[in-house]
C-alpha atoms as a PDB file:
ATOM      1  CA  MET A   1      19.217   5.776   0.040  1.00  0.00           C
ATOM      2  CA  ALA A   2      16.515   3.282  -0.963  1.00  0.00           C
ATOM      3  CA  LYS A   3      12.938   4.501  -1.212  1.00  0.00           C
ATOM      4  CA  LYS A   4      10.703   3.251   1.607  1.00  0.00           C
ATOM      5  CA  ILE A   5       7.522   1.379   0.840  1.00  0.00           C
ATOM      6  CA  LEU A   6       5.022   0.621   3.582  1.00  0.00           C
ATOM      7  CA  MET A   7       3.280  -2.735   3.129  1.00  0.00           C
ATOM      8  CA  VAL A   8       0.017  -3.026   5.077  1.00  0.00           C
ATOM      9  CA  ASP A   9      -1.559  -6.487   5.119  1.00  0.00           C
ATOM     10  CA  ASP A  10      -2.716  -8.875   7.841  1.00  0.00           C
ATOM     11  CA  ASP A  11      -1.321 -11.918   5.985  1.00  0.00           C
ATOM     12  CA  PRO A  12       2.272 -12.823   7.000  1.00  0.00           C
ATOM     13  CA  LEU A  13       2.770 -14.678   3.698  1.00  0.00           C
ATOM     14  CA  MET A  14       2.040 -11.487   1.755  1.00  0.00           C
ATOM     15  CA  HIS A  15       4.655  -9.655   3.842  1.00  0.00           C
ATOM     16  CA  ARG A  16       7.299 -12.275   3.011  1.00  0.00           C
ATOM     17  CA  LEU A  17       6.452 -12.213  -0.703  1.00  0.00           C
ATOM     18  CA  PHE A  18       6.470  -8.412  -0.867  1.00  0.00           C
ATOM     19  CA  GLN A  19       9.695  -8.167   1.135  1.00  0.00           C
ATOM     20  CA  ARG A  20      11.529 -10.439  -1.313  1.00  0.00           C
ATOM     21  CA  LEU A  21      10.101  -8.626  -4.325  1.00  0.00           C
ATOM     22  CA  LEU A  22      10.766  -5.110  -3.068  1.00  0.00           C
ATOM     23  CA  GLU A  23      14.235  -5.754  -1.699  1.00  0.00           C
ATOM     24  CA  ARG A  24      15.330  -7.409  -4.948  1.00  0.00           C
ATOM     25  CA  ALA A  25      14.152  -4.288  -6.757  1.00  0.00           C
ATOM     26  CA  GLY A  26      16.173  -2.108  -4.355  1.00  0.00           C
ATOM     27  CA  TYR A  27      13.366  -0.692  -2.202  1.00  0.00           C
ATOM     28  CA  GLN A  28      13.262  -0.725   1.593  1.00  0.00           C
ATOM     29  CA  MET A  29      10.075  -2.330   2.941  1.00  0.00           C
ATOM     30  CA  ILE A  30       8.493  -1.412   6.220  1.00  0.00           C
ATOM     31  CA  SER A  31       5.358  -3.170   7.359  1.00  0.00           C
ATOM     32  CA  ALA A  32       2.163  -2.960   9.366  1.00  0.00           C
ATOM     33  CA  THR A  33      -0.633  -5.472   9.868  1.00  0.00           C
ATOM     34  CA  ASP A  34      -3.630  -3.117  10.095  1.00  0.00           C
ATOM     35  CA  GLY A  35      -4.768   0.426   9.443  1.00  0.00           C
ATOM     36  CA  ARG A  36      -3.851   1.753  12.887  1.00  0.00           C
ATOM     37  CA  GLY A  37      -0.330   0.296  12.562  1.00  0.00           C
ATOM     38  CA  ALA A  38      -0.104   1.854   9.101  1.00  0.00           C
ATOM     39  CA  LEU A  39      -0.863   5.347  10.439  1.00  0.00           C
ATOM     40  CA  GLU A  40       1.795   4.909  13.138  1.00  0.00           C
ATOM     41  CA  ALA A  41       4.370   3.589  10.639  1.00  0.00           C
ATOM     42  CA  VAL A  42       3.730   6.503   8.263  1.00  0.00           C
ATOM     43  CA  GLU A  43       4.384   8.980  11.075  1.00  0.00           C
ATOM     44  CA  ARG A  44       7.527   7.154  12.205  1.00  0.00           C
ATOM     45  CA  GLU A  45       9.033   6.168   8.831  1.00  0.00           C
ATOM     46  CA  SER A  46       7.771   8.686   6.209  1.00  0.00           C
ATOM     47  CA  PRO A  47       7.444   6.165   3.347  1.00  0.00           C
ATOM     48  CA  GLN A  48       7.375   7.295  -0.284  1.00  0.00           C
ATOM     49  CA  LEU A  49       4.532   4.867  -1.107  1.00  0.00           C
ATOM     50  CA  ILE A  50       2.005   2.632   0.671  1.00  0.00           C
ATOM     51  CA  VAL A  51       0.681  -0.743  -0.515  1.00  0.00           C
ATOM     52  CA  MET A  52      -2.547  -1.270   1.466  1.00  0.00           C
ATOM     53  CA  ASP A  53      -4.892  -4.239   1.825  1.00  0.00           C
ATOM     54  CA  ILE A  54      -8.543  -3.290   2.321  1.00  0.00           C
ATOM     55  CA  MET A  55      -9.863  -6.185   4.399  1.00  0.00           C
ATOM     56  CA  MET A  56      -8.218  -6.051   7.844  1.00  0.00           C
ATOM     57  CA  ALA A  57      -9.495  -6.227  11.419  1.00  0.00           C
ATOM     58  CA  GLY A  58      -9.791  -2.991  13.358  1.00  0.00           C
ATOM     59  CA  LEU A  59      -9.170   0.028  11.156  1.00  0.00           C
ATOM     60  CA  ASP A  60      -9.479  -1.310   7.594  1.00  0.00           C
ATOM     61  CA  GLY A  61      -7.521  -0.099   4.592  1.00  0.00           C
ATOM     62  CA  LEU A  62     -10.146   2.333   3.318  1.00  0.00           C
ATOM     63  CA  GLY A  63     -10.442   3.953   6.749  1.00  0.00           C
ATOM     64  CA  ALA A  64      -6.668   4.316   6.963  1.00  0.00           C
ATOM     65  CA  ILE A  65      -6.484   5.828   3.457  1.00  0.00           C
ATOM     66  CA  ARG A  66      -9.201   8.341   4.317  1.00  0.00           C
ATOM     67  CA  GLN A  67      -7.267   9.423   7.427  1.00  0.00           C
ATOM     68  CA  LEU A  68      -3.996   9.690   5.479  1.00  0.00           C
ATOM     69  CA  LYS A  69      -5.620  11.826   2.776  1.00  0.00           C
ATOM     70  CA  LYS A  70      -7.171  14.184   5.368  1.00  0.00           C
ATOM     71  CA  ASN A  71      -3.749  14.887   6.897  1.00  0.00           C
ATOM     72  CA  GLU A  72      -1.770  17.619   5.162  1.00  0.00           C
ATOM     73  CA  MET A  73       1.521  15.856   6.021  1.00  0.00           C
ATOM     74  CA  THR A  74       0.533  12.489   4.482  1.00  0.00           C
ATOM     75  CA  ARG A  75      -1.948  13.476   1.769  1.00  0.00           C
ATOM     76  CA  ALA A  76       0.597  13.298  -1.073  1.00  0.00           C
ATOM     77  CA  ILE A  77       1.828   9.754  -0.333  1.00  0.00           C
ATOM     78  CA  PRO A  78       0.547   7.519  -3.156  1.00  0.00           C
ATOM     79  CA  VAL A  79      -1.410   4.433  -2.066  1.00  0.00           C
ATOM     80  CA  ILE A  80      -1.758   1.211  -4.051  1.00  0.00           C
ATOM     81  CA  VAL A  81      -4.764  -0.770  -2.847  1.00  0.00           C
ATOM     82  CA  VAL A  82      -4.547  -4.557  -3.017  1.00  0.00           C
ATOM     83  CA  THR A  83      -7.508  -6.743  -2.176  1.00  0.00           C
ATOM     84  CA  ALA A  84      -8.773 -10.272  -2.528  1.00  0.00           C
ATOM     85  CA  GLU A  85     -12.361  -9.006  -2.387  1.00  0.00           C
ATOM     86  CA  VAL A  86     -13.305  -9.760  -5.985  1.00  0.00           C
ATOM     87  CA  SER A  87     -17.042 -10.265  -5.402  1.00  0.00           C
ATOM     88  CA  ALA A  88     -17.420  -6.563  -4.625  1.00  0.00           C
ATOM     89  CA  TYR A  89     -14.705  -5.500  -7.089  1.00  0.00           C
ATOM     90  CA  ASP A  90     -16.471  -2.490  -8.638  1.00  0.00           C
ATOM     91  CA  ALA A  91     -17.659  -1.094  -5.302  1.00  0.00           C
ATOM     92  CA  SER A  92     -14.240  -1.630  -3.697  1.00  0.00           C
ATOM     93  CA  ARG A  93     -12.500   0.021  -6.620  1.00  0.00           C
ATOM     94  CA  ARG A  94     -14.839   3.040  -6.552  1.00  0.00           C
ATOM     95  CA  GLU A  95     -14.493   3.381  -2.768  1.00  0.00           C
ATOM     96  CA  SER A  96     -10.705   3.098  -3.006  1.00  0.00           C
ATOM     97  CA  GLU A  97     -10.493   5.754  -5.693  1.00  0.00           C
ATOM     98  CA  ALA A  98     -12.888   8.018  -3.785  1.00  0.00           C
ATOM     99  CA  ALA A  99     -10.727   7.606  -0.662  1.00  0.00           C
ATOM    100  CA  GLY A 100      -7.679   8.702  -2.645  1.00  0.00           C
ATOM    101  CA  ALA A 101      -5.953   5.512  -3.812  1.00  0.00           C
ATOM    102  CA  ALA A 102      -3.662   5.948  -6.823  1.00  0.00           C
ATOM    103  CA  CYS A 103      -3.997   2.350  -8.038  1.00  0.00           C
ATOM    104  CA  PHE A 104      -6.160  -0.719  -7.378  1.00  0.00           C
ATOM    105  CA  LEU A 105      -4.973  -4.343  -7.794  1.00  0.00           C
ATOM    106  CA  THR A 106      -6.812  -7.562  -6.989  1.00  0.00           C
ATOM    107  CA  LYS A 107      -5.063 -10.577  -5.467  1.00  0.00           C
ATOM    108  CA  PRO A 108      -3.548 -12.615  -6.904  1.00  0.00           C
ATOM    109  CA  PHE A 109      -1.647 -10.161  -9.087  1.00  0.00           C
ATOM    110  CA  SER A 110       1.625 -10.382 -10.920  1.00  0.00           C
ATOM    111  CA  PRO A 111       4.707  -9.185  -9.011  1.00  0.00           C
ATOM    112  CA  ALA A 112       5.828  -7.502 -12.257  1.00  0.00           C
ATOM    113  CA  LYS A 113       2.551  -5.509 -12.356  1.00  0.00           C
ATOM    114  CA  LEU A 114       3.044  -4.334  -8.779  1.00  0.00           C
ATOM    115  CA  LEU A 115       6.625  -3.238  -9.489  1.00  0.00           C
ATOM    116  CA  GLU A 116       5.455  -1.473 -12.635  1.00  0.00           C
ATOM    117  CA  GLU A 117       2.867   0.502 -10.620  1.00  0.00           C
ATOM    118  CA  ILE A 118       5.389   1.323  -7.874  1.00  0.00           C
ATOM    119  CA  GLN A 119       7.880   2.607 -10.433  1.00  0.00           C
ATOM    120  CA  ARG A 120       5.148   4.596 -12.185  1.00  0.00           C
ATOM    121  CA  LEU A 121       4.195   6.303  -8.910  1.00  0.00           C
ATOM    122  CA  VAL A 122       7.577   6.867  -7.215  1.00  0.00           C
ATOM    123  CA  GLY A 123      10.245   5.902  -9.752  1.00  0.00           C
ATOM    124  CA  LYS A 124      12.919   3.257  -9.524  1.00  0.00           C
ATOM    125  CA  ALA A 125      14.394   2.505  -6.097  1.00  0.00           C
ATOM    126  CA  SER A 126      17.645   4.344  -6.812  1.00  0.00           C
ATOM    127  CA  GLU A 127      16.219   7.484  -8.491  1.00  0.00           C
END
């Protein structure tokens, strides 16, 4: 069975790009468009990894990560933070790491780099 990756981003284009990338690599992608949707999807789907945008309306990515890391059932799920917020790069990176993110990438990033980080954190899709 393919490993599930939850993609959380409010940009539909990002969802389409990630879906193509992840499915070609053999992963199953599930998606949410904000932090609240991410928490619901994690409960429903039990993904092996989460790719989370920071800047979203409602519950943002950092808030969602903090809630996931407080919960004993979801604490161990690795989170890759992706953000376009380059002007506050250092602060965003520090906040992400403090919240419990395993990796931090700024948009635009190379699809190969994202796959490399996914494989580093959860292994290849078929392992």
